[in-house]
Amino acid sequence: MKVYKKTFDMAIITVGTIPATRFIKKAGINVDKNDFVTVDKHMKTNIDNIYAIRRYCKS
């Protein structure tokens, strides 16, 4: 099994089912009409080195 390590300056962890993405939009990260963060197949947002995972994103 391969193990990958990555260092981050910040991790934002959320709980719930309704996206609360106001602060994300203010940062310039793209969201869709339902306020889900838009990502590519690698979970990368439109901003370099910013990724979104799980419940609050749509690819």
Protein backbone atom coordinates (compact mmCIF):
# COMPACT_ATOMS: atom_id res chain seq x y z
CA MET A 1 0.00 0.00 0.00
CA LYS A 2 1.32 3.43 -0.96
CA VAL A 3 1.27 6.15 1.65
CA TYR A 4 1.05 9.77 0.56
CA LYS A 5 1.94 12.70 2.77
CA LYS A 6 1.04 16.32 2.13
CA THR A 7 1.61 19.41 4.24
CA PHE A 8 -1.16 21.99 4.47
CA ASP A 9 -1.35 25.50 5.87
CA MET A 10 -5.02 25.03 6.76
CA ALA A 11 -7.78 22.42 6.73
CA ILE A 12 -11.42 23.45 6.98
CA ILE A 13 -13.63 20.70 8.36
CA THR A 14 -17.40 20.98 8.16
CA VAL A 15 -20.38 19.15 9.59
CA GLY A 16 -23.89 19.17 8.16
CA THR A 17 -25.65 18.88 4.85
CA ILE A 18 -26.27 22.47 3.71
CA PRO A 19 -23.23 24.13 2.16
CA ALA A 20 -22.20 27.25 4.07
CA THR A 21 -19.89 28.61 1.41
CA ARG A 22 -20.09 32.38 1.87
CA PHE A 23 -16.46 32.58 3.03
CA ILE A 24 -15.43 30.33 0.15
CA LYS A 25 -17.06 32.62 -2.41
CA LYS A 26 -15.35 35.64 -0.83
CA ALA A 27 -12.02 33.86 -1.39
CA GLY A 28 -12.81 33.63 -5.12
CA ILE A 29 -13.42 29.88 -5.23
CA ASN A 30 -16.07 28.93 -7.80
CA VAL A 31 -19.35 27.45 -6.61
CA ASP A 32 -22.36 26.22 -8.58
CA LYS A 33 -25.95 27.54 -8.39
CA ASN A 34 -26.56 25.38 -5.29
CA ASP A 35 -23.42 26.72 -3.53
CA PHE A 36 -21.41 23.52 -3.96
CA VAL A 37 -17.71 24.07 -4.62
CA THR A 38 -16.85 23.16 -8.22
CA VAL A 39 -13.84 20.88 -8.62
CA ASP A 40 -12.10 18.87 -11.32
CA LYS A 41 -11.55 15.09 -11.29
CA HIS A 42 -8.66 15.58 -8.84
CA MET A 43 -10.87 17.62 -6.45
CA LYS A 44 -8.93 20.79 -7.32
CA THR A 45 -10.79 24.11 -7.23
CA ASN A 46 -10.23 26.97 -9.65
CA ILE A 47 -7.48 28.32 -7.36
CA ASP A 48 -4.02 26.72 -7.34
CA ASN A 49 -3.28 24.47 -4.36
CA ILE A 50 -6.84 24.61 -3.00
CA TYR A 51 -8.82 21.38 -2.98
CA ALA A 52 -12.31 20.51 -1.75
CA ILE A 53 -13.53 17.13 -0.59
CA ARG A 54 -16.71 15.24 0.07
CA ARG A 55 -20.04 16.75 0.83
CA TYR A 56 -19.58 20.37 -0.28
CA CYS A 57 -18.29 19.88 -3.78
CA LYS A 58 -19.47 18.71 -7.18
CA SER A 59 -17.22 17.73 -10.05
